[in-house]
Amino acid sequence: QLLYKKNKMIASMKTHQGFISCIRRFPPEVLGEIFVQCLPGDTYIHPGPDTVPLLLTGICKGWRQVALSTPRLWCSLRI
C-alpha cells in the first residue's frame, strides 16, 4: 500500500512538472498580462493581504519578479 501511494505521488508530480515547465517558458510580458487578468473586475474592492498581487509574489522567485515589474498589477491597491 505504501509503494502504491509512493508511485501515485510520483506520477502526480510528473504531471504537474510538465505544466510548470510550460509556464516557465512564457515571456515575462505575457505572464504579467495573465496576472493582470486575474485581478477582480470591481475597482471598488478594498484588497486585503491575500489578494491577487500579493499572492502572485509568493509563488516563486520568477513570478515575484514578474509581478513586481508589472505596474498595472499594483495600480488598483488601496492603502
PDB file of N, CA and C in Angstrom:
ATOM      1  N   GLN A   1       0.830  -1.193   0.000  1.00  0.00           N
ATOM      2  CA  GLN A   1       0.000   0.000   0.000  1.00  0.00           C
ATOM      3  C   GLN A   1       0.880   1.264   0.000  1.00  0.00           C
ATOM      4  N   LEU A   2       1.946   1.232   0.768  1.00  0.00           N
ATOM      5  CA  LEU A   2       2.851   2.380   0.808  1.00  0.00           C
ATOM      6  C   LEU A   2       3.523   2.598  -0.544  1.00  0.00           C
ATOM      7  N   LEU A   3       3.911   1.515  -1.185  1.00  0.00           N
ATOM      8  CA  LEU A   3       4.527   1.599  -2.506  1.00  0.00           C
ATOM      9  C   LEU A   3       3.539   2.161  -3.528  1.00  0.00           C
ATOM     10  N   TYR A   4       2.284   1.759  -3.426  1.00  0.00           N
ATOM     11  CA  TYR A   4       1.242   2.273  -4.316  1.00  0.00           C
ATOM     12  C   TYR A   4       1.103   3.788  -4.151  1.00  0.00           C
ATOM     13  N   LYS A   5       1.065   4.249  -2.904  1.00  0.00           N
ATOM     14  CA  LYS A   5       0.940   5.688  -2.634  1.00  0.00           C
ATOM     15  C   LYS A   5       2.154   6.448  -3.170  1.00  0.00           C
ATOM     16  N   LYS A   6       3.331   5.858  -2.999  1.00  0.00           N
ATOM     17  CA  LYS A   6       4.555   6.495  -3.498  1.00  0.00           C
ATOM     18  C   LYS A   6       4.498   6.647  -5.015  1.00  0.00           C
ATOM     19  N   ASN A   7       4.121   5.580  -5.713  1.00  0.00           N
ATOM     20  CA  ASN A   7       4.033   5.627  -7.175  1.00  0.00           C
ATOM     21  C   ASN A   7       2.976   6.616  -7.642  1.00  0.00           C
ATOM     22  N   LYS A   8       1.879   6.684  -6.925  1.00  0.00           N
ATOM     23  CA  LYS A   8       0.817   7.638  -7.264  1.00  0.00           C
ATOM     24  C   LYS A   8       1.321   9.076  -7.089  1.00  0.00           C
ATOM     25  N   MET A   9       2.063   9.316  -6.021  1.00  0.00           N
ATOM     26  CA  MET A   9       2.621  10.642  -5.763  1.00  0.00           C
ATOM     27  C   MET A   9       3.633  11.024  -6.841  1.00  0.00           C
ATOM     28  N   ILE A  10       4.482  10.100  -7.229  1.00  0.00           N
ATOM     29  CA  ILE A  10       5.477  10.361  -8.277  1.00  0.00           C
ATOM     30  C   ILE A  10       4.791  10.679  -9.600  1.00  0.00           C
ATOM     31  N   ALA A  11       3.745   9.937  -9.935  1.00  0.00           N
ATOM     32  CA  ALA A  11       3.003  10.197 -11.174  1.00  0.00           C
ATOM     33  C   ALA A  11       2.372  11.581 -11.140  1.00  0.00           C
ATOM     34  N   SER A  12       1.816  11.960 -10.004  1.00  0.00           N
ATOM     35  CA  SER A  12       1.214  13.289  -9.867  1.00  0.00           C
ATOM     36  C   SER A  12       2.266  14.384 -10.020  1.00  0.00           C
ATOM     37  N   MET A  13       3.423  14.183  -9.430  1.00  0.00           N
ATOM     38  CA  MET A  13       4.500  15.167  -9.539  1.00  0.00           C
ATOM     39  C   MET A  13       4.958  15.324 -10.983  1.00  0.00           C
ATOM     40  N   LYS A  14       5.057  14.220 -11.712  1.00  0.00           N
ATOM     41  CA  LYS A  14       5.467  14.288 -13.116  1.00  0.00           C
ATOM     42  C   LYS A  14       4.438  15.040 -13.950  1.00  0.00           C
ATOM     43  N   THR A  15       3.165  14.810 -13.672  1.00  0.00           N
ATOM     44  CA  THR A  15       2.097  15.511 -14.387  1.00  0.00           C
ATOM     45  C   THR A  15       2.197  17.011 -14.158  1.00  0.00           C
ATOM     46  N   HIS A  16       2.353  17.422 -12.920  1.00  0.00           N
ATOM     47  CA  HIS A  16       2.422  18.843 -12.600  1.00  0.00           C
ATOM     48  C   HIS A  16       3.734  19.466 -13.057  1.00  0.00           C
ATOM     49  N   GLN A  17       4.793  18.704 -13.082  1.00  0.00           N
ATOM     50  CA  GLN A  17       6.089  19.220 -13.543  1.00  0.00           C
ATOM     51  C   GLN A  17       5.996  19.696 -14.988  1.00  0.00           C
ATOM     52  N   GLY A  18       5.297  18.944 -15.817  1.00  0.00           N
ATOM     53  CA  GLY A  18       5.115  19.343 -17.212  1.00  0.00           C
ATOM     54  C   GLY A  18       4.373  20.655 -17.337  1.00  0.00           C
ATOM     55  N   PHE A  19       3.359  20.851 -16.522  1.00  0.00           N
ATOM     56  CA  PHE A  19       2.587  22.091 -16.537  1.00  0.00           C
ATOM     57  C   PHE A  19       3.454  23.263 -16.100  1.00  0.00           C
ATOM     58  N   ILE A  20       4.206  23.077 -15.038  1.00  0.00           N
ATOM     59  CA  ILE A  20       5.048  24.150 -14.516  1.00  0.00           C
ATOM     60  C   ILE A  20       6.127  24.535 -15.520  1.00  0.00           C
ATOM     61  N   SER A  21       6.722  23.563 -16.184  1.00  0.00           N
ATOM     62  CA  SER A  21       7.773  23.896 -17.139  1.00  0.00           C
ATOM     63  C   SER A  21       7.220  24.687 -18.320  1.00  0.00           C
ATOM     64  N   CYS A  22       5.964  24.450 -18.716  1.00  0.00           N
ATOM     65  CA  CYS A  22       5.337  25.242 -19.785  1.00  0.00           C
ATOM     66  C   CYS A  22       5.188  26.696 -19.359  1.00  0.00           C
ATOM     67  N   ILE A  23       4.741  26.910 -18.143  1.00  0.00           N
ATOM     68  CA  ILE A  23       4.545  28.270 -17.641  1.00  0.00           C
ATOM     69  C   ILE A  23       5.873  29.014 -17.579  1.00  0.00           C
ATOM     70  N   ARG A  24       6.923  28.336 -17.220  1.00  0.00           N
ATOM     71  CA  ARG A  24       8.236  28.986 -17.107  1.00  0.00           C
ATOM     72  C   ARG A  24       8.765  29.457 -18.452  1.00  0.00           C
ATOM     73  N   ARG A  25       8.226  28.945 -19.537  1.00  0.00           N
ATOM     74  CA  ARG A  25       8.680  29.364 -20.867  1.00  0.00           C
ATOM     75  C   ARG A  25       7.958  30.611 -21.368  1.00  0.00           C
ATOM     76  N   PHE A  26       6.917  31.054 -20.673  1.00  0.00           N
ATOM     77  CA  PHE A  26       6.211  32.266 -21.092  1.00  0.00           C
ATOM     78  C   PHE A  26       7.127  33.470 -20.911  1.00  0.00           C
ATOM     79  N   PRO A  27       7.124  34.391 -21.866  1.00  0.00           N
ATOM     80  CA  PRO A  27       7.873  35.635 -21.669  1.00  0.00           C
ATOM     81  C   PRO A  27       7.272  36.406 -20.488  1.00  0.00           C
ATOM     82  N   PRO A  28       8.091  37.169 -19.757  1.00  0.00           N
ATOM     83  CA  PRO A  28       7.579  37.924 -18.608  1.00  0.00           C
ATOM     84  C   PRO A  28       6.397  38.824 -18.951  1.00  0.00           C
ATOM     85  N   GLU A  29       6.391  39.406 -20.153  1.00  0.00           N
ATOM     86  CA  GLU A  29       5.299  40.296 -20.545  1.00  0.00           C
ATOM     87  C   GLU A  29       3.979  39.530 -20.629  1.00  0.00           C
ATOM     88  N   VAL A  30       4.015  38.324 -21.157  1.00  0.00           N
ATOM     89  CA  VAL A  30       2.807  37.501 -21.278  1.00  0.00           C
ATOM     90  C   VAL A  30       2.337  37.071 -19.893  1.00  0.00           C
ATOM     91  N   LEU A  31       3.264  36.641 -19.060  1.00  0.00           N
ATOM     92  CA  LEU A  31       2.910  36.231 -17.710  1.00  0.00           C
ATOM     93  C   LEU A  31       2.344  37.415 -16.929  1.00  0.00           C
ATOM     94  N   GLY A  32       2.921  38.592 -17.111  1.00  0.00           N
ATOM     95  CA  GLY A  32       2.405  39.800 -16.461  1.00  0.00           C
ATOM     96  C   GLY A  32       0.985  40.106 -16.886  1.00  0.00           C
ATOM     97  N   GLU A  33       0.685  39.949 -18.171  1.00  0.00           N
ATOM     98  CA  GLU A  33      -0.680  40.185 -18.660  1.00  0.00           C
ATOM     99  C   GLU A  33      -1.647  39.157 -18.071  1.00  0.00           C
ATOM    100  N   ILE A  34      -1.215  37.923 -17.950  1.00  0.00           N
ATOM    101  CA  ILE A  34      -2.050  36.898 -17.312  1.00  0.00           C
ATOM    102  C   ILE A  34      -2.328  37.296 -15.867  1.00  0.00           C
ATOM    103  N   PHE A  35      -1.322  37.791 -15.176  1.00  0.00           N
ATOM    104  CA  PHE A  35      -1.503  38.232 -13.796  1.00  0.00           C
ATOM    105  C   PHE A  35      -2.531  39.360 -13.720  1.00  0.00           C
ATOM    106  N   VAL A  36      -2.433  40.326 -14.634  1.00  0.00           N
ATOM    107  CA  VAL A  36      -3.375  41.450 -14.643  1.00  0.00           C
ATOM    108  C   VAL A  36      -4.797  40.944 -14.868  1.00  0.00           C
ATOM    109  N   GLN A  37      -4.958  39.957 -15.729  1.00  0.00           N
ATOM    110  CA  GLN A  37      -6.290  39.404 -16.000  1.00  0.00           C
ATOM    111  C   GLN A  37      -6.867  38.675 -14.783  1.00  0.00           C
ATOM    112  N   CYS A  38      -6.035  38.331 -13.829  1.00  0.00           N
ATOM    113  CA  CYS A  38      -6.504  37.677 -12.594  1.00  0.00           C
ATOM    114  C   CYS A  38      -7.094  38.671 -11.599  1.00  0.00           C
ATOM    115  N   LEU A  39      -6.872  39.954 -11.836  1.00  0.00           N
ATOM    116  CA  LEU A  39      -7.400  40.964 -10.918  1.00  0.00           C
ATOM    117  C   LEU A  39      -8.921  40.978 -10.945  1.00  0.00           C
ATOM    118  N   PRO A  40      -9.561  41.288  -9.811  1.00  0.00           N
ATOM    119  CA  PRO A  40     -11.023  41.389  -9.808  1.00  0.00           C
ATOM    120  C   PRO A  40     -11.472  42.545 -10.685  1.00  0.00           C
ATOM    121  N   GLY A  41     -12.629  42.402 -11.311  1.00  0.00           N
ATOM    122  CA  GLY A  41     -13.138  43.434 -12.206  1.00  0.00           C
ATOM    123  C   GLY A  41     -13.669  44.655 -11.484  1.00  0.00           C
ATOM    124  N   ASP A  42     -14.074  44.517 -10.241  1.00  0.00           N
ATOM    125  CA  ASP A  42     -14.654  45.618  -9.476  1.00  0.00           C
ATOM    126  C   ASP A  42     -13.537  46.487  -8.916  1.00  0.00           C
ATOM    127  N   THR A  43     -13.477  47.737  -9.363  1.00  0.00           N
ATOM    128  CA  THR A  43     -12.407  48.629  -8.903  1.00  0.00           C
ATOM    129  C   THR A  43     -12.660  49.161  -7.500  1.00  0.00           C
ATOM    130  N   TYR A  44     -13.823  48.893  -6.924  1.00  0.00           N
ATOM    131  CA  TYR A  44     -14.140  49.399  -5.591  1.00  0.00           C
ATOM    132  C   TYR A  44     -13.853  48.380  -4.492  1.00  0.00           C
ATOM    133  N   ILE A  45     -13.264  47.261  -4.864  1.00  0.00           N
ATOM    134  CA  ILE A  45     -12.903  46.260  -3.864  1.00  0.00           C
ATOM    135  C   ILE A  45     -11.709  46.774  -3.068  1.00  0.00           C
ATOM    136  N   HIS A  46     -11.790  46.670  -1.766  1.00  0.00           N
ATOM    137  CA  HIS A  46     -10.659  47.046  -0.920  1.00  0.00           C
ATOM    138  C   HIS A  46      -9.819  45.798  -0.693  1.00  0.00           C
ATOM    139  N   PRO A  47      -8.680  45.711  -1.350  1.00  0.00           N
ATOM    140  CA  PRO A  47      -7.876  44.490  -1.251  1.00  0.00           C
ATOM    141  C   PRO A  47      -7.363  44.236   0.159  1.00  0.00           C
ATOM    142  N   GLY A  48      -7.361  42.993   0.541  1.00  0.00           N
ATOM    143  CA  GLY A  48      -6.772  42.569   1.800  1.00  0.00           C
ATOM    144  C   GLY A  48      -5.394  41.988   1.529  1.00  0.00           C
ATOM    145  N   PRO A  49      -4.755  41.487   2.558  1.00  0.00           N
ATOM    146  CA  PRO A  49      -3.395  40.966   2.385  1.00  0.00           C
ATOM    147  C   PRO A  49      -3.311  39.703   1.534  1.00  0.00           C
ATOM    148  N   ASP A  50      -4.444  39.081   1.246  1.00  0.00           N
ATOM    149  CA  ASP A  50      -4.410  37.830   0.480  1.00  0.00           C
ATOM    150  C   ASP A  50      -4.941  37.997  -0.937  1.00  0.00           C
ATOM    151  N   THR A  51      -4.855  39.190  -1.503  1.00  0.00           N
ATOM    152  CA  THR A  51      -5.365  39.424  -2.846  1.00  0.00           C
ATOM    153  C   THR A  51      -4.351  39.038  -3.914  1.00  0.00           C
ATOM    154  N   VAL A  52      -4.788  39.108  -5.138  1.00  0.00           N
ATOM    155  CA  VAL A  52      -4.018  38.606  -6.277  1.00  0.00           C
ATOM    156  C   VAL A  52      -2.572  39.103  -6.334  1.00  0.00           C
ATOM    157  N   PRO A  53      -2.293  40.392  -6.313  1.00  0.00           N
ATOM    158  CA  PRO A  53      -0.891  40.811  -6.457  1.00  0.00           C
ATOM    159  C   PRO A  53       0.028  40.211  -5.397  1.00  0.00           C
ATOM    160  N   LEU A  54      -0.421  40.219  -4.173  1.00  0.00           N
ATOM    161  CA  LEU A  54       0.420  39.682  -3.105  1.00  0.00           C
ATOM    162  C   LEU A  54       0.541  38.170  -3.189  1.00  0.00           C
ATOM    163  N   LEU A  55      -0.519  37.511  -3.574  1.00  0.00           N
ATOM    164  CA  LEU A  55      -0.454  36.057  -3.745  1.00  0.00           C
ATOM    165  C   LEU A  55       0.557  35.682  -4.822  1.00  0.00           C
ATOM    166  N   LEU A  56       0.542  36.416  -5.924  1.00  0.00           N
ATOM    167  CA  LEU A  56       1.438  36.095  -7.033  1.00  0.00           C
ATOM    168  C   LEU A  56       2.905  36.255  -6.653  1.00  0.00           C
ATOM    169  N   THR A  57       3.198  37.210  -5.780  1.00  0.00           N
ATOM    170  CA  THR A  57       4.597  37.400  -5.375  1.00  0.00           C
ATOM    171  C   THR A  57       5.097  36.274  -4.483  1.00  0.00           C
ATOM    172  N   GLY A  58       4.182  35.492  -3.940  1.00  0.00           N
ATOM    173  CA  GLY A  58       4.584  34.414  -3.048  1.00  0.00           C
ATOM    174  C   GLY A  58       4.712  33.050  -3.704  1.00  0.00           C
ATOM    175  N   ILE A  59       4.460  32.950  -5.004  1.00  0.00           N
ATOM    176  CA  ILE A  59       4.500  31.649  -5.679  1.00  0.00           C
ATOM    177  C   ILE A  59       5.936  31.158  -5.852  1.00  0.00           C
ATOM    178  N   CYS A  60       6.755  31.955  -6.479  1.00  0.00           N
ATOM    179  CA  CYS A  60       8.161  31.590  -6.676  1.00  0.00           C
ATOM    180  C   CYS A  60       8.931  32.861  -7.037  1.00  0.00           C
ATOM    181  N   LYS A  61      10.230  32.756  -7.086  1.00  0.00           N
ATOM    182  CA  LYS A  61      11.091  33.908  -7.372  1.00  0.00           C
ATOM    183  C   LYS A  61      10.772  34.532  -8.729  1.00  0.00           C
ATOM    184  N   GLY A  62      10.578  33.692  -9.742  1.00  0.00           N
ATOM    185  CA  GLY A  62      10.292  34.203 -11.082  1.00  0.00           C
ATOM    186  C   GLY A  62       8.979  34.964 -11.138  1.00  0.00           C
ATOM    187  N   TRP A  63       7.938  34.401 -10.509  1.00  0.00           N
ATOM    188  CA  TRP A  63       6.635  35.074 -10.514  1.00  0.00           C
ATOM    189  C   TRP A  63       6.703  36.367  -9.707  1.00  0.00           C
ATOM    190  N   ARG A  64       7.486  36.362  -8.641  1.00  0.00           N
ATOM    191  CA  ARG A  64       7.638  37.580  -7.840  1.00  0.00           C
ATOM    192  C   ARG A  64       8.245  38.694  -8.692  1.00  0.00           C
ATOM    193  N   GLN A  65       9.282  38.370  -9.444  1.00  0.00           N
ATOM    194  CA  GLN A  65       9.928  39.369 -10.292  1.00  0.00           C
ATOM    195  C   GLN A  65       8.958  39.912 -11.333  1.00  0.00           C
ATOM    196  N   VAL A  66       8.193  39.026 -11.958  1.00  0.00           N
ATOM    197  CA  VAL A  66       7.226  39.465 -12.968  1.00  0.00           C
ATOM    198  C   VAL A  66       6.147  40.322 -12.320  1.00  0.00           C
ATOM    199  N   ALA A  67       5.607  39.878 -11.195  1.00  0.00           N
ATOM    200  CA  ALA A  67       4.542  40.636 -10.527  1.00  0.00           C
ATOM    201  C   ALA A  67       5.028  42.022 -10.111  1.00  0.00           C
ATOM    202  N   LEU A  68       6.215  42.090  -9.545  1.00  0.00           N
ATOM    203  CA  LEU A  68       6.739  43.381  -9.099  1.00  0.00           C
ATOM    204  C   LEU A  68       7.082  44.303 -10.260  1.00  0.00           C
ATOM    205  N   SER A  69       7.331  43.754 -11.435  1.00  0.00           N
ATOM    206  CA  SER A  69       7.666  44.593 -12.591  1.00  0.00           C
ATOM    207  C   SER A  69       6.462  44.820 -13.504  1.00  0.00           C
ATOM    208  N   THR A  70       5.257  44.537 -13.016  1.00  0.00           N
ATOM    209  CA  THR A  70       4.028  44.769 -13.779  1.00  0.00           C
ATOM    210  C   THR A  70       3.217  45.852 -13.066  1.00  0.00           C
ATOM    211  N   PRO A  71       3.431  47.134 -13.408  1.00  0.00           N
ATOM    212  CA  PRO A  71       2.780  48.235 -12.696  1.00  0.00           C
ATOM    213  C   PRO A  71       1.251  48.149 -12.668  1.00  0.00           C
ATOM    214  N   ARG A  72       0.638  47.676 -13.750  1.00  0.00           N
ATOM    215  CA  ARG A  72      -0.834  47.607 -13.780  1.00  0.00           C
ATOM    216  C   ARG A  72      -1.384  46.675 -12.713  1.00  0.00           C
ATOM    217  N   LEU A  73      -0.568  45.776 -12.242  1.00  0.00           N
ATOM    218  CA  LEU A  73      -0.990  44.849 -11.198  1.00  0.00           C
ATOM    219  C   LEU A  73      -1.163  45.569  -9.862  1.00  0.00           C
ATOM    220  N   TRP A  74      -0.445  46.658  -9.684  1.00  0.00           N
ATOM    221  CA  TRP A  74      -0.415  47.345  -8.395  1.00  0.00           C
ATOM    222  C   TRP A  74      -1.186  48.657  -8.377  1.00  0.00           C
ATOM    223  N   CYS A  75      -1.656  49.124  -9.517  1.00  0.00           N
ATOM    224  CA  CYS A  75      -2.279  50.454  -9.570  1.00  0.00           C
ATOM    225  C   CYS A  75      -3.647  50.510  -8.891  1.00  0.00           C
ATOM    226  N   SER A  76      -4.275  49.372  -8.617  1.00  0.00           N
ATOM    227  CA  SER A  76      -5.607  49.405  -8.011  1.00  0.00           C
ATOM    228  C   SER A  76      -5.594  49.142  -6.505  1.00  0.00           C
ATOM    229  N   LEU A  77      -4.425  48.968  -5.919  1.00  0.00           N
ATOM    230  CA  LEU A  77      -4.360  48.723  -4.476  1.00  0.00           C
ATOM    231  C   LEU A  77      -4.703  49.984  -3.707  1.00  0.00           C
ATOM    232  N   ARG A  78      -5.448  49.813  -2.640  1.00  0.00           N
ATOM    233  CA  ARG A  78      -5.771  50.943  -1.761  1.00  0.00           C
ATOM    234  C   ARG A  78      -4.945  50.815  -0.489  1.00  0.00           C
ATOM    235  N   ILE A  79      -4.383  51.932  -0.078  1.00  0.00           N
ATOM    236  CA  ILE A  79      -3.537  51.925   1.126  1.00  0.00           C
ATOM    237  C   ILE A  79      -4.266  52.621   2.250  1.00  0.00           C
TER     238      ILE A  79
END
